[in-house]
Amino acid sequence: MQRELGYKANMMVGDQCYPAFELRNLLNFIELHLGDVVATDIYLKIGLGPQELNAMQFVYVWQVEYAMEVLRTTSPDPEIGARLGASYQIASLDVLLPFFDKFTTLNQCLLFVIKNPDLAGSFADTVIRFDETRLWVRWLNTGKANAQKFAFQFQHSVCALLGAARQLVASTVVIDEIHMAEPQCNTEFLSAETGAKIVFDCDFYEWGIDIAILNTPLSYQFDHLALAASVPDGVSFIEPLLTDIRLCMPKPPKLEQLAEKHHMSARSLRRKLSAAGTSYQKLVDQVRCQAAINLILANELSAEDISEVLGYGDVSHFRQSFKHWLGYPPGHFLKLNLPS
């Protein structure tokens, strides 16, 4: 078992590329559970048709998020996210298959998925940690998503990953424990599907699996006639904005400066960001939050030093900002993320 402890800033946003298989599976599921009318309306709202989507390898994050939100807010089932994830079939994960075909264990597949959000898709940053017997994957809500939306996406991800793992090894795979950062609620399906002990009122959403299971060899027979996966072509306009913000830290550029650099008006930039489901301030907060997490988990600088590195006038302002982002002050967050 290759042990890689650390923080993965892999949240995808706005018009960044997201694997099209996710949207295809999602819309097929919506058509089955909510009907043709709802699915057709989603196609119209995201500007795609079924035939066009079937020919694509990548779509935009906002298109997937929009369809997920329709499912979450329309379905009366509180566990619809978990059921969605559990419905996926390995054969539908087209861009991932050529990579999985090269691996020999579940561990390699899991690490690839975590390291490559552009190919696997990700709505959250993660912290990977280990105790004596388990690997833990903790979700961080650095994008400040709505609590119900974040819980939906977490349950969807857990069940999708577990379902894929079971198909890859053709044997029983269970999750040991799932932590929910919410009061006790109905998780009957999630518990039955994963085999996990569900713990509520936790600090974070996370799941833990026996390390020994990840050493299980793959047995799935891949179709070697499948199309080779390609890396997204970088058409996102948000990606260079994030890069510009990171390069200018600790003093991010003003929106007007960024707009001028990218040959548009400030109004046009605001409109484009809004259409992609985000805003300039959200991008700045995301960059700051991710930089702060990296510095805190490195455990080499004090909160005062990190505050200075990130350009805060005083450490109390930094502590308040960090608590606003993730719910805990820097010192407490570090304790929560040290290996057990």
C-alpha atoms as a PDB file:
ATOM      1  CA  MET A   1       0.000   0.000   0.000  1.00  0.00           C
ATOM      2  CA  GLN A   2       1.518   3.306  -1.100  1.00  0.00           C
ATOM      3  CA  ARG A   3       0.933   5.834   1.677  1.00  0.00           C
ATOM      4  CA  GLU A   4       0.407   9.376   0.488  1.00  0.00           C
ATOM      5  CA  LEU A   5      -0.654  11.694   3.255  1.00  0.00           C
ATOM      6  CA  GLY A   6      -1.651  15.160   2.274  1.00  0.00           C
ATOM      7  CA  TYR A   7      -3.982  17.812   1.048  1.00  0.00           C
ATOM      8  CA  LYS A   8      -5.312  17.662  -2.496  1.00  0.00           C
ATOM      9  CA  ALA A   9      -6.624  20.988  -3.803  1.00  0.00           C
ATOM     10  CA  ASN A  10      -8.687  19.367  -6.522  1.00  0.00           C
ATOM     11  CA  MET A  11     -12.054  21.135  -6.423  1.00  0.00           C
ATOM     12  CA  MET A  12     -13.351  21.948  -9.901  1.00  0.00           C
ATOM     13  CA  VAL A  13     -15.500  25.041 -10.467  1.00  0.00           C
ATOM     14  CA  GLY A  14     -17.420  27.002 -13.076  1.00  0.00           C
ATOM     15  CA  ASP A  15     -16.329  26.375 -16.652  1.00  0.00           C
ATOM     16  CA  GLN A  16     -13.437  24.070 -15.833  1.00  0.00           C
ATOM     17  CA  CYS A  17     -13.599  20.727 -17.595  1.00  0.00           C
ATOM     18  CA  TYR A  18     -15.534  17.866 -16.027  1.00  0.00           C
ATOM     19  CA  PRO A  19     -15.838  14.315 -17.417  1.00  0.00           C
ATOM     20  CA  ALA A  20     -18.888  14.014 -19.644  1.00  0.00           C
ATOM     21  CA  PHE A  21     -19.641  10.491 -18.393  1.00  0.00           C
ATOM     22  CA  GLU A  22     -20.809  12.090 -15.132  1.00  0.00           C
ATOM     23  CA  LEU A  23     -23.396  14.231 -16.905  1.00  0.00           C
ATOM     24  CA  ARG A  24     -24.541  11.346 -19.128  1.00  0.00           C
ATOM     25  CA  ASN A  25     -25.048   9.041 -16.145  1.00  0.00           C
ATOM     26  CA  LEU A  26     -26.736  11.829 -14.216  1.00  0.00           C
ATOM     27  CA  LEU A  27     -29.210  12.683 -16.966  1.00  0.00           C
ATOM     28  CA  ASN A  28     -30.028   9.019 -17.582  1.00  0.00           C
ATOM     29  CA  PHE A  29     -30.726   8.665 -13.860  1.00  0.00           C
ATOM     30  CA  ILE A  30     -32.879  11.820 -13.837  1.00  0.00           C
ATOM     31  CA  GLU A  31     -34.866  10.619 -16.840  1.00  0.00           C
ATOM     32  CA  LEU A  32     -35.522   7.308 -15.060  1.00  0.00           C
ATOM     33  CA  HIS A  33     -36.448   8.794 -11.669  1.00  0.00           C
ATOM     34  CA  LEU A  34     -37.902  12.217 -12.492  1.00  0.00           C
ATOM     35  CA  GLY A  35     -39.135  11.724 -16.035  1.00  0.00           C
ATOM     36  CA  ASP A  36     -38.473  12.895 -19.600  1.00  0.00           C
ATOM     37  CA  VAL A  37     -39.855  16.392 -19.052  1.00  0.00           C
ATOM     38  CA  VAL A  38     -37.354  17.215 -16.302  1.00  0.00           C
ATOM     39  CA  ALA A  39     -34.443  15.735 -18.264  1.00  0.00           C
ATOM     40  CA  THR A  40     -35.419  17.641 -21.417  1.00  0.00           C
ATOM     41  CA  ASP A  41     -35.600  20.907 -19.515  1.00  0.00           C
ATOM     42  CA  ILE A  42     -32.103  20.332 -18.105  1.00  0.00           C
ATOM     43  CA  TYR A  43     -30.719  19.688 -21.590  1.00  0.00           C
ATOM     44  CA  LEU A  44     -32.264  22.985 -22.665  1.00  0.00           C
ATOM     45  CA  LYS A  45     -30.882  24.927 -19.681  1.00  0.00           C
ATOM     46  CA  ILE A  46     -27.309  23.612 -20.093  1.00  0.00           C
ATOM     47  CA  GLY A  47     -27.286  24.125 -23.852  1.00  0.00           C
ATOM     48  CA  LEU A  48     -26.692  20.523 -24.899  1.00  0.00           C
ATOM     49  CA  GLY A  49     -28.647  17.815 -26.665  1.00  0.00           C
ATOM     50  CA  PRO A  50     -28.478  14.061 -25.938  1.00  0.00           C
ATOM     51  CA  GLN A  51     -26.645  13.223 -29.164  1.00  0.00           C
ATOM     52  CA  GLU A  52     -24.160  16.051 -28.655  1.00  0.00           C
ATOM     53  CA  LEU A  53     -23.492  14.936 -25.069  1.00  0.00           C
ATOM     54  CA  ASN A  54     -22.978  11.325 -26.145  1.00  0.00           C
ATOM     55  CA  ALA A  55     -20.179  12.444 -28.470  1.00  0.00           C
ATOM     56  CA  MET A  56     -18.350  14.479 -25.815  1.00  0.00           C
ATOM     57  CA  GLN A  57     -15.567  13.477 -23.405  1.00  0.00           C
ATOM     58  CA  PHE A  58     -15.699  16.649 -21.318  1.00  0.00           C
ATOM     59  CA  VAL A  59     -18.324  19.197 -20.296  1.00  0.00           C
ATOM     60  CA  TYR A  60     -18.319  22.137 -17.871  1.00  0.00           C
ATOM     61  CA  VAL A  61     -18.501  21.848 -14.101  1.00  0.00           C
ATOM     62  CA  TRP A  62     -21.481  24.221 -13.927  1.00  0.00           C
ATOM     63  CA  GLN A  63     -23.474  21.970 -16.274  1.00  0.00           C
ATOM     64  CA  VAL A  64     -22.991  18.954 -14.002  1.00  0.00           C
ATOM     65  CA  GLU A  65     -23.706  21.001 -10.883  1.00  0.00           C
ATOM     66  CA  TYR A  66     -26.888  22.392 -12.411  1.00  0.00           C
ATOM     67  CA  ALA A  67     -28.225  18.908 -13.215  1.00  0.00           C
ATOM     68  CA  MET A  68     -27.264  17.649  -9.754  1.00  0.00           C
ATOM     69  CA  GLU A  69     -29.072  20.531  -8.090  1.00  0.00           C
ATOM     70  CA  VAL A  70     -32.224  19.818 -10.096  1.00  0.00           C
ATOM     71  CA  LEU A  71     -32.083  16.208  -8.950  1.00  0.00           C
ATOM     72  CA  ARG A  72     -31.389  17.145  -5.322  1.00  0.00           C
ATOM     73  CA  THR A  73     -34.082  19.795  -5.045  1.00  0.00           C
ATOM     74  CA  THR A  74     -36.748  17.976  -7.093  1.00  0.00           C
ATOM     75  CA  SER A  75     -36.541  14.451  -5.709  1.00  0.00           C
ATOM     76  CA  PRO A  76     -38.363  13.800  -2.406  1.00  0.00           C
ATOM     77  CA  ASP A  77     -35.783  11.112  -1.548  1.00  0.00           C
ATOM     78  CA  PRO A  78     -33.241  12.462   0.999  1.00  0.00           C
ATOM     79  CA  GLU A  79     -30.732   9.829  -0.140  1.00  0.00           C
ATOM     80  CA  ILE A  80     -31.031  10.432  -3.867  1.00  0.00           C
ATOM     81  CA  GLY A  81     -27.352  11.426  -4.086  1.00  0.00           C
ATOM     82  CA  ALA A  82     -26.245   8.076  -2.703  1.00  0.00           C
ATOM     83  CA  ARG A  83     -28.600   6.230  -5.065  1.00  0.00           C
ATOM     84  CA  LEU A  84     -27.224   8.194  -8.007  1.00  0.00           C
ATOM     85  CA  GLY A  85     -23.631   7.226  -7.181  1.00  0.00           C
ATOM     86  CA  ALA A  86     -24.555   3.582  -6.682  1.00  0.00           C
ATOM     87  CA  SER A  87     -26.148   3.439 -10.148  1.00  0.00           C
ATOM     88  CA  TYR A  88     -22.916   3.995 -12.097  1.00  0.00           C
ATOM     89  CA  GLN A  89     -21.368   1.206 -14.163  1.00  0.00           C
ATOM     90  CA  ILE A  90     -17.641   0.859 -14.864  1.00  0.00           C
ATOM     91  CA  ALA A  91     -18.243   0.575 -18.602  1.00  0.00           C
ATOM     92  CA  SER A  92     -19.698   4.111 -18.629  1.00  0.00           C
ATOM     93  CA  LEU A  93     -16.574   5.745 -17.121  1.00  0.00           C
ATOM     94  CA  ASP A  94     -15.011   6.122 -20.550  1.00  0.00           C
ATOM     95  CA  VAL A  95     -12.110   8.532 -20.012  1.00  0.00           C
ATOM     96  CA  LEU A  96     -10.948   6.651 -16.912  1.00  0.00           C
ATOM     97  CA  LEU A  97     -10.872   3.156 -18.414  1.00  0.00           C
ATOM     98  CA  PRO A  98      -7.575   3.389 -20.362  1.00  0.00           C
ATOM     99  CA  PHE A  99      -5.860   4.485 -17.148  1.00  0.00           C
ATOM    100  CA  PHE A 100      -7.488   1.868 -14.929  1.00  0.00           C
ATOM    101  CA  ASP A 101      -6.460  -0.757 -17.491  1.00  0.00           C
ATOM    102  CA  LYS A 102      -2.816  -0.043 -16.608  1.00  0.00           C
ATOM    103  CA  PHE A 103      -3.280  -0.569 -12.864  1.00  0.00           C
ATOM    104  CA  THR A 104      -3.189  -3.757 -10.825  1.00  0.00           C
ATOM    105  CA  THR A 105      -4.754  -2.783  -7.465  1.00  0.00           C
ATOM    106  CA  LEU A 106      -7.596  -0.696  -6.072  1.00  0.00           C
ATOM    107  CA  ASN A 107      -5.055   1.531  -4.348  1.00  0.00           C
ATOM    108  CA  GLN A 108      -3.638   2.677  -7.681  1.00  0.00           C
ATOM    109  CA  CYS A 109      -7.121   3.453  -9.012  1.00  0.00           C
ATOM    110  CA  LEU A 110      -8.106   5.453  -5.927  1.00  0.00           C
ATOM    111  CA  LEU A 111      -4.937   7.539  -5.921  1.00  0.00           C
ATOM    112  CA  PHE A 112      -5.370   8.261  -9.637  1.00  0.00           C
ATOM    113  CA  VAL A 113      -8.940   9.448  -9.114  1.00  0.00           C
ATOM    114  CA  ILE A 114      -7.875  11.741  -6.258  1.00  0.00           C
ATOM    115  CA  LYS A 115      -4.893  13.148  -8.167  1.00  0.00           C
ATOM    116  CA  ASN A 116      -6.727  13.729 -11.455  1.00  0.00           C
ATOM    117  CA  PRO A 117      -9.945  15.693 -10.887  1.00  0.00           C
ATOM    118  CA  ASP A 118      -9.866  16.821 -14.530  1.00  0.00           C
ATOM    119  CA  LEU A 119     -10.463  13.202 -15.566  1.00  0.00           C
ATOM    120  CA  ALA A 120     -12.456  11.893 -12.609  1.00  0.00           C
ATOM    121  CA  GLY A 121     -14.294  15.039 -11.517  1.00  0.00           C
ATOM    122  CA  SER A 122     -14.297  16.562  -8.024  1.00  0.00           C
ATOM    123  CA  PHE A 123     -16.502  19.003  -6.138  1.00  0.00           C
ATOM    124  CA  ALA A 124     -14.281  19.165  -3.054  1.00  0.00           C
ATOM    125  CA  ASP A 125     -10.719  19.438  -1.875  1.00  0.00           C
ATOM    126  CA  THR A 126      -9.585  16.448   0.172  1.00  0.00           C
ATOM    127  CA  VAL A 127      -7.210  15.515   2.951  1.00  0.00           C
ATOM    128  CA  ILE A 128      -5.808  11.989   2.795  1.00  0.00           C
ATOM    129  CA  ARG A 129      -4.724  10.526   6.107  1.00  0.00           C
ATOM    130  CA  PHE A 130      -4.027   7.147   7.698  1.00  0.00           C
ATOM    131  CA  ASP A 131      -4.425   5.509  11.066  1.00  0.00           C
ATOM    132  CA  GLU A 132      -3.123   2.040  11.929  1.00  0.00           C
ATOM    133  CA  THR A 133      -5.568   0.131   9.740  1.00  0.00           C
ATOM    134  CA  ARG A 134      -7.516   2.623   7.621  1.00  0.00           C
ATOM    135  CA  LEU A 135      -7.138   5.122   4.839  1.00  0.00           C
ATOM    136  CA  TRP A 136      -9.341   8.176   5.376  1.00  0.00           C
ATOM    137  CA  VAL A 137     -10.579  10.566   2.687  1.00  0.00           C
ATOM    138  CA  ARG A 138     -11.826  13.824   4.185  1.00  0.00           C
ATOM    139  CA  TRP A 139     -13.822  16.362   2.196  1.00  0.00           C
ATOM    140  CA  LEU A 140     -13.178  20.094   2.710  1.00  0.00           C
ATOM    141  CA  ASN A 141     -15.855  22.588   1.719  1.00  0.00           C
ATOM    142  CA  THR A 142     -13.402  25.242   0.490  1.00  0.00           C
ATOM    143  CA  GLY A 143     -15.987  26.427  -2.027  1.00  0.00           C
ATOM    144  CA  LYS A 144     -18.488  27.241   0.750  1.00  0.00           C
ATOM    145  CA  ALA A 145     -21.207  25.182  -0.942  1.00  0.00           C
ATOM    146  CA  ASN A 146     -24.669  25.014   0.583  1.00  0.00           C
ATOM    147  CA  ALA A 147     -24.628  22.406   3.408  1.00  0.00           C
ATOM    148  CA  GLN A 148     -27.346  20.227   1.857  1.00  0.00           C
ATOM    149  CA  LYS A 149     -25.698  20.412  -1.556  1.00  0.00           C
ATOM    150  CA  PHE A 150     -22.310  19.449  -0.097  1.00  0.00           C
ATOM    151  CA  ALA A 151     -23.811  16.477   1.772  1.00  0.00           C
ATOM    152  CA  PHE A 152     -25.548  15.325  -1.427  1.00  0.00           C
ATOM    153  CA  GLN A 153     -22.282  15.488  -3.393  1.00  0.00           C
ATOM    154  CA  PHE A 154     -20.373  13.665  -0.657  1.00  0.00           C
ATOM    155  CA  GLN A 155     -22.828  10.752  -0.518  1.00  0.00           C
ATOM    156  CA  HIS A 156     -22.883  10.585  -4.299  1.00  0.00           C
ATOM    157  CA  SER A 157     -19.079  10.379  -4.433  1.00  0.00           C
ATOM    158  CA  VAL A 158     -18.793   7.721  -1.721  1.00  0.00           C
ATOM    159  CA  CYS A 159     -21.299   5.407  -3.412  1.00  0.00           C
ATOM    160  CA  ALA A 160     -19.881   5.991  -6.908  1.00  0.00           C
ATOM    161  CA  LEU A 161     -16.327   5.159  -5.769  1.00  0.00           C
ATOM    162  CA  LEU A 162     -17.458   2.112  -3.826  1.00  0.00           C
ATOM    163  CA  GLY A 163     -19.576   0.830  -6.713  1.00  0.00           C
ATOM    164  CA  ALA A 164     -16.639   1.203  -9.102  1.00  0.00           C
ATOM    165  CA  ALA A 165     -14.328  -0.590  -6.663  1.00  0.00           C
ATOM    166  CA  ARG A 166     -16.689  -3.554  -6.391  1.00  0.00           C
ATOM    167  CA  GLN A 167     -16.886  -3.903 -10.152  1.00  0.00           C
ATOM    168  CA  LEU A 168     -13.120  -3.585 -10.564  1.00  0.00           C
ATOM    169  CA  VAL A 169     -12.370  -6.471  -8.203  1.00  0.00           C
ATOM    170  CA  ALA A 170     -15.627  -8.445  -8.561  1.00  0.00           C
ATOM    171  CA  SER A 171     -15.765  -9.065  -4.813  1.00  0.00           C
ATOM    172  CA  THR A 172     -17.234  -7.627  -1.652  1.00  0.00           C
ATOM    173  CA  VAL A 173     -15.813  -4.230  -0.786  1.00  0.00           C
ATOM    174  CA  VAL A 174     -17.185  -2.282   2.160  1.00  0.00           C
ATOM    175  CA  ILE A 175     -16.380   1.020   3.823  1.00  0.00           C
ATOM    176  CA  ASP A 176     -15.575   0.807   7.526  1.00  0.00           C
ATOM    177  CA  GLU A 177     -16.915   4.149   8.691  1.00  0.00           C
ATOM    178  CA  ILE A 178     -18.528   7.288   7.287  1.00  0.00           C
ATOM    179  CA  HIS A 179     -18.479  10.563   9.194  1.00  0.00           C
ATOM    180  CA  MET A 180     -21.244  13.067   8.549  1.00  0.00           C
ATOM    181  CA  ALA A 181     -20.904  16.751   9.505  1.00  0.00           C
ATOM    182  CA  GLU A 182     -24.619  17.034  10.229  1.00  0.00           C
ATOM    183  CA  PRO A 183     -27.158  15.905  12.832  1.00  0.00           C
ATOM    184  CA  GLN A 184     -28.561  12.388  12.629  1.00  0.00           C
ATOM    185  CA  CYS A 185     -30.719  11.889   9.568  1.00  0.00           C
ATOM    186  CA  ASN A 186     -32.032   9.147   7.301  1.00  0.00           C
ATOM    187  CA  THR A 187     -29.056   7.209   5.891  1.00  0.00           C
ATOM    188  CA  GLU A 188     -30.689   3.795   5.595  1.00  0.00           C
ATOM    189  CA  PHE A 189     -29.677   3.346   1.955  1.00  0.00           C
ATOM    190  CA  LEU A 190     -26.157   4.731   2.466  1.00  0.00           C
ATOM    191  CA  SER A 191     -25.571   2.376   5.389  1.00  0.00           C
ATOM    192  CA  ALA A 192     -26.907  -0.671   3.563  1.00  0.00           C
ATOM    193  CA  GLU A 193     -25.071   0.142   0.329  1.00  0.00           C
ATOM    194  CA  THR A 194     -21.666   0.801   1.886  1.00  0.00           C
ATOM    195  CA  GLY A 195     -21.769  -1.517   4.909  1.00  0.00           C
ATOM    196  CA  ALA A 196     -20.353   1.362   6.924  1.00  0.00           C
ATOM    197  CA  LYS A 197     -20.939   2.549  10.440  1.00  0.00           C
ATOM    198  CA  ILE A 198     -22.422   6.048  10.082  1.00  0.00           C
ATOM    199  CA  VAL A 199     -21.323   8.621  12.659  1.00  0.00           C
ATOM    200  CA  PHE A 200     -23.153  11.968  12.860  1.00  0.00           C
ATOM    201  CA  ASP A 201     -22.270  15.404  14.248  1.00  0.00           C
ATOM    202  CA  CYS A 202     -18.653  15.041  13.155  1.00  0.00           C
ATOM    203  CA  ASP A 203     -16.220  17.841  12.342  1.00  0.00           C
ATOM    204  CA  PHE A 204     -16.014  16.919   8.657  1.00  0.00           C
ATOM    205  CA  TYR A 205     -17.468  14.646   6.012  1.00  0.00           C
ATOM    206  CA  GLU A 206     -15.072  11.746   5.521  1.00  0.00           C
ATOM    207  CA  TRP A 207     -14.945   8.031   4.890  1.00  0.00           C
ATOM    208  CA  GLY A 208     -12.481   5.375   5.971  1.00  0.00           C
ATOM    209  CA  ILE A 209     -11.638   2.017   4.423  1.00  0.00           C
ATOM    210  CA  ASP A 210      -9.476  -0.889   5.557  1.00  0.00           C
ATOM    211  CA  ILE A 211      -6.032  -0.478   3.989  1.00  0.00           C
ATOM    212  CA  ALA A 212      -5.863  -4.221   3.264  1.00  0.00           C
ATOM    213  CA  ILE A 213      -8.850  -3.963   0.909  1.00  0.00           C
ATOM    214  CA  LEU A 214      -6.974  -1.446  -1.249  1.00  0.00           C
ATOM    215  CA  ASN A 215      -4.343  -4.083  -2.012  1.00  0.00           C
ATOM    216  CA  THR A 216      -6.974  -6.245  -3.719  1.00  0.00           C
ATOM    217  CA  PRO A 217      -5.926  -7.040  -7.323  1.00  0.00           C
ATOM    218  CA  LEU A 218      -8.143  -5.890 -10.182  1.00  0.00           C
ATOM    219  CA  SER A 219     -10.090  -8.538 -12.093  1.00  0.00           C
ATOM    220  CA  TYR A 220     -12.203  -6.400 -14.442  1.00  0.00           C
ATOM    221  CA  GLN A 221     -11.839  -7.214 -18.152  1.00  0.00           C
ATOM    222  CA  PHE A 222     -11.363  -3.911 -19.968  1.00  0.00           C
ATOM    223  CA  ASP A 223     -12.504  -3.320 -23.532  1.00  0.00           C
ATOM    224  CA  HIS A 224      -9.319  -2.564 -25.446  1.00  0.00           C
ATOM    225  CA  LEU A 225     -11.368  -1.141 -28.308  1.00  0.00           C
ATOM    226  CA  ALA A 226     -12.488   1.747 -26.113  1.00  0.00           C
ATOM    227  CA  LEU A 227     -11.436   5.236 -27.183  1.00  0.00           C
ATOM    228  CA  ALA A 228      -8.232   6.472 -25.610  1.00  0.00           C
ATOM    229  CA  ALA A 229      -8.753   9.193 -23.040  1.00  0.00           C
ATOM    230  CA  SER A 230      -7.479  12.660 -23.739  1.00  0.00           C
ATOM    231  CA  VAL A 231      -6.539  15.371 -21.291  1.00  0.00           C
ATOM    232  CA  PRO A 232      -8.926  18.359 -21.283  1.00  0.00           C
ATOM    233  CA  ASP A 233      -7.852  21.008 -23.764  1.00  0.00           C
ATOM    234  CA  GLY A 234      -7.835  23.884 -21.295  1.00  0.00           C
ATOM    235  CA  VAL A 235     -10.645  25.951 -22.802  1.00  0.00           C
ATOM    236  CA  SER A 236     -11.699  27.186 -19.361  1.00  0.00           C
ATOM    237  CA  PHE A 237     -11.499  30.947 -18.802  1.00  0.00           C
ATOM    238  CA  ILE A 238     -11.647  30.398 -15.019  1.00  0.00           C
ATOM    239  CA  GLU A 239      -8.438  28.369 -14.945  1.00  0.00           C
ATOM    240  CA  PRO A 240      -6.179  31.277 -16.053  1.00  0.00           C
ATOM    241  CA  LEU A 241      -8.035  33.580 -13.643  1.00  0.00           C
ATOM    242  CA  LEU A 242      -7.189  31.259 -10.757  1.00  0.00           C
ATOM    243  CA  THR A 243      -3.583  31.121 -11.953  1.00  0.00           C
ATOM    244  CA  ASP A 244      -3.384  34.918 -12.099  1.00  0.00           C
ATOM    245  CA  ILE A 245      -4.792  35.215  -8.586  1.00  0.00           C
ATOM    246  CA  ARG A 246      -2.338  32.630  -7.223  1.00  0.00           C
ATOM    247  CA  LEU A 247       0.626  34.360  -8.856  1.00  0.00           C
ATOM    248  CA  CYS A 248      -0.327  37.716  -7.372  1.00  0.00           C
ATOM    249  CA  MET A 249      -0.825  36.493  -3.812  1.00  0.00           C
ATOM    250  CA  PRO A 250      -0.762  37.796  -1.143  1.00  0.00           C
ATOM    251  CA  LYS A 251      -2.276  40.792  -2.960  1.00  0.00           C
ATOM    252  CA  PRO A 252      -4.769  39.514  -5.537  1.00  0.00           C
ATOM    253  CA  PRO A 253      -5.448  41.772  -8.511  1.00  0.00           C
ATOM    254  CA  LYS A 254      -8.608  43.829  -8.560  1.00  0.00           C
ATOM    255  CA  LEU A 255     -11.404  42.505 -10.724  1.00  0.00           C
ATOM    256  CA  GLU A 256     -10.970  45.454 -13.094  1.00  0.00           C
ATOM    257  CA  GLN A 257      -7.271  44.653 -13.556  1.00  0.00           C
ATOM    258  CA  LEU A 258      -8.014  41.022 -14.252  1.00  0.00           C
ATOM    259  CA  ALA A 259     -10.730  41.914 -16.732  1.00  0.00           C
ATOM    260  CA  GLU A 260      -8.405  44.278 -18.607  1.00  0.00           C
ATOM    261  CA  LYS A 261      -5.692  41.621 -18.790  1.00  0.00           C
ATOM    262  CA  HIS A 262      -8.162  39.215 -20.373  1.00  0.00           C
ATOM    263  CA  HIS A 263      -9.464  41.835 -22.805  1.00  0.00           C
ATOM    264  CA  MET A 264     -12.950  42.365 -21.445  1.00  0.00           C
ATOM    265  CA  SER A 265     -14.839  44.844 -19.301  1.00  0.00           C
ATOM    266  CA  ALA A 266     -15.335  44.319 -15.577  1.00  0.00           C
ATOM    267  CA  ARG A 267     -19.053  43.963 -16.253  1.00  0.00           C
ATOM    268  CA  SER A 268     -18.450  41.230 -18.843  1.00  0.00           C
ATOM    269  CA  LEU A 269     -16.161  39.344 -16.461  1.00  0.00           C
ATOM    270  CA  ARG A 270     -18.728  39.499 -13.660  1.00  0.00           C
ATOM    271  CA  ARG A 271     -21.416  38.267 -16.062  1.00  0.00           C
ATOM    272  CA  LYS A 272     -19.283  35.361 -17.302  1.00  0.00           C
ATOM    273  CA  LEU A 273     -18.395  34.313 -13.773  1.00  0.00           C
ATOM    274  CA  SER A 274     -22.026  34.496 -12.688  1.00  0.00           C
ATOM    275  CA  ALA A 275     -23.095  32.370 -15.668  1.00  0.00           C
ATOM    276  CA  ALA A 276     -20.530  29.774 -14.573  1.00  0.00           C
ATOM    277  CA  GLY A 277     -21.973  29.698 -11.060  1.00  0.00           C
ATOM    278  CA  THR A 278     -19.233  31.608  -9.262  1.00  0.00           C
ATOM    279  CA  SER A 279     -17.876  35.112  -8.625  1.00  0.00           C
ATOM    280  CA  TYR A 280     -14.545  36.903  -8.449  1.00  0.00           C
ATOM    281  CA  GLN A 281     -14.657  37.016  -4.644  1.00  0.00           C
ATOM    282  CA  LYS A 282     -15.354  33.263  -4.470  1.00  0.00           C
ATOM    283  CA  LEU A 283     -12.279  32.591  -6.605  1.00  0.00           C
ATOM    284  CA  VAL A 284     -10.105  34.810  -4.393  1.00  0.00           C
ATOM    285  CA  ASP A 285     -11.440  33.128  -1.251  1.00  0.00           C
ATOM    286  CA  GLN A 286     -10.808  29.706  -2.797  1.00  0.00           C
ATOM    287  CA  VAL A 287      -7.180  30.558  -3.585  1.00  0.00           C
ATOM    288  CA  ARG A 288      -6.592  32.047  -0.113  1.00  0.00           C
ATOM    289  CA  CYS A 289      -8.253  29.124   1.639  1.00  0.00           C
ATOM    290  CA  GLN A 290      -6.293  26.515  -0.311  1.00  0.00           C
ATOM    291  CA  ALA A 291      -3.018  28.355   0.302  1.00  0.00           C
ATOM    292  CA  ALA A 292      -3.795  28.594   4.024  1.00  0.00           C
ATOM    293  CA  ILE A 293      -4.592  24.873   4.273  1.00  0.00           C
ATOM    294  CA  ASN A 294      -1.317  23.952   2.595  1.00  0.00           C
ATOM    295  CA  LEU A 295       0.655  26.160   4.978  1.00  0.00           C
ATOM    296  CA  ILE A 296      -1.191  24.940   8.071  1.00  0.00           C
ATOM    297  CA  LEU A 297      -0.795  21.259   7.242  1.00  0.00           C
ATOM    298  CA  ALA A 298       2.922  21.759   6.545  1.00  0.00           C
ATOM    299  CA  ASN A 299       3.083  22.662  10.277  1.00  0.00           C
ATOM    300  CA  GLU A 300       6.191  24.802   9.759  1.00  0.00           C
ATOM    301  CA  LEU A 301       4.809  28.319  10.330  1.00  0.00           C
ATOM    302  CA  SER A 302       2.819  29.853  13.154  1.00  0.00           C
ATOM    303  CA  ALA A 303      -0.616  31.329  12.548  1.00  0.00           C
ATOM    304  CA  GLU A 304       0.992  34.764  12.808  1.00  0.00           C
ATOM    305  CA  ASP A 305       3.527  33.902  10.091  1.00  0.00           C
ATOM    306  CA  ILE A 306       0.866  32.390   7.827  1.00  0.00           C
ATOM    307  CA  SER A 307      -1.256  35.483   8.312  1.00  0.00           C
ATOM    308  CA  GLU A 308       1.654  37.627   7.126  1.00  0.00           C
ATOM    309  CA  VAL A 309       2.414  35.368   4.149  1.00  0.00           C
ATOM    310  CA  LEU A 310      -1.211  35.601   3.017  1.00  0.00           C
ATOM    311  CA  GLY A 311      -1.273  39.372   3.339  1.00  0.00           C
ATOM    312  CA  TYR A 312      -3.543  39.833   6.335  1.00  0.00           C
ATOM    313  CA  GLY A 313      -3.097  42.951   8.433  1.00  0.00           C
ATOM    314  CA  ASP A 314      -3.434  41.036  11.688  1.00  0.00           C
ATOM    315  CA  VAL A 315      -3.642  37.417  12.768  1.00  0.00           C
ATOM    316  CA  SER A 316      -7.131  37.796  14.262  1.00  0.00           C
ATOM    317  CA  HIS A 317      -8.509  38.719  10.831  1.00  0.00           C
ATOM    318  CA  PHE A 318      -6.848  35.627   9.341  1.00  0.00           C
ATOM    319  CA  ARG A 319      -8.265  33.390  12.078  1.00  0.00           C
ATOM    320  CA  GLN A 320     -11.754  34.796  11.498  1.00  0.00           C
ATOM    321  CA  SER A 321     -11.458  34.267   7.741  1.00  0.00           C
ATOM    322  CA  PHE A 322     -10.240  30.691   8.129  1.00  0.00           C
ATOM    323  CA  LYS A 323     -13.056  29.850  10.526  1.00  0.00           C
ATOM    324  CA  HIS A 324     -15.513  31.333   8.027  1.00  0.00           C
ATOM    325  CA  TRP A 325     -14.077  29.114   5.281  1.00  0.00           C
ATOM    326  CA  LEU A 326     -13.920  25.773   7.074  1.00  0.00           C
ATOM    327  CA  GLY A 327     -15.673  26.167  10.391  1.00  0.00           C
ATOM    328  CA  TYR A 328     -12.623  25.963  12.649  1.00  0.00           C
ATOM    329  CA  PRO A 329      -9.714  28.263  13.548  1.00  0.00           C
ATOM    330  CA  PRO A 330      -6.273  27.295  12.171  1.00  0.00           C
ATOM    331  CA  GLY A 331      -4.938  25.665  15.344  1.00  0.00           C
ATOM    332  CA  HIS A 332      -7.985  23.455  15.844  1.00  0.00           C
ATOM    333  CA  PHE A 333      -8.053  22.550  12.158  1.00  0.00           C
ATOM    334  CA  LEU A 334      -4.427  21.341  12.351  1.00  0.00           C
ATOM    335  CA  LYS A 335      -5.245  19.077  15.302  1.00  0.00           C
ATOM    336  CA  LEU A 336      -8.226  17.641  13.437  1.00  0.00           C
ATOM    337  CA  ASN A 337      -6.027  16.748  10.459  1.00  0.00           C
ATOM    338  CA  LEU A 338      -3.003  15.197  12.156  1.00  0.00           C
ATOM    339  CA  PRO A 339      -2.688  11.435  11.560  1.00  0.00           C
ATOM    340  CA  SER A 340      -4.515   9.412  14.192  1.00  0.00           C
END
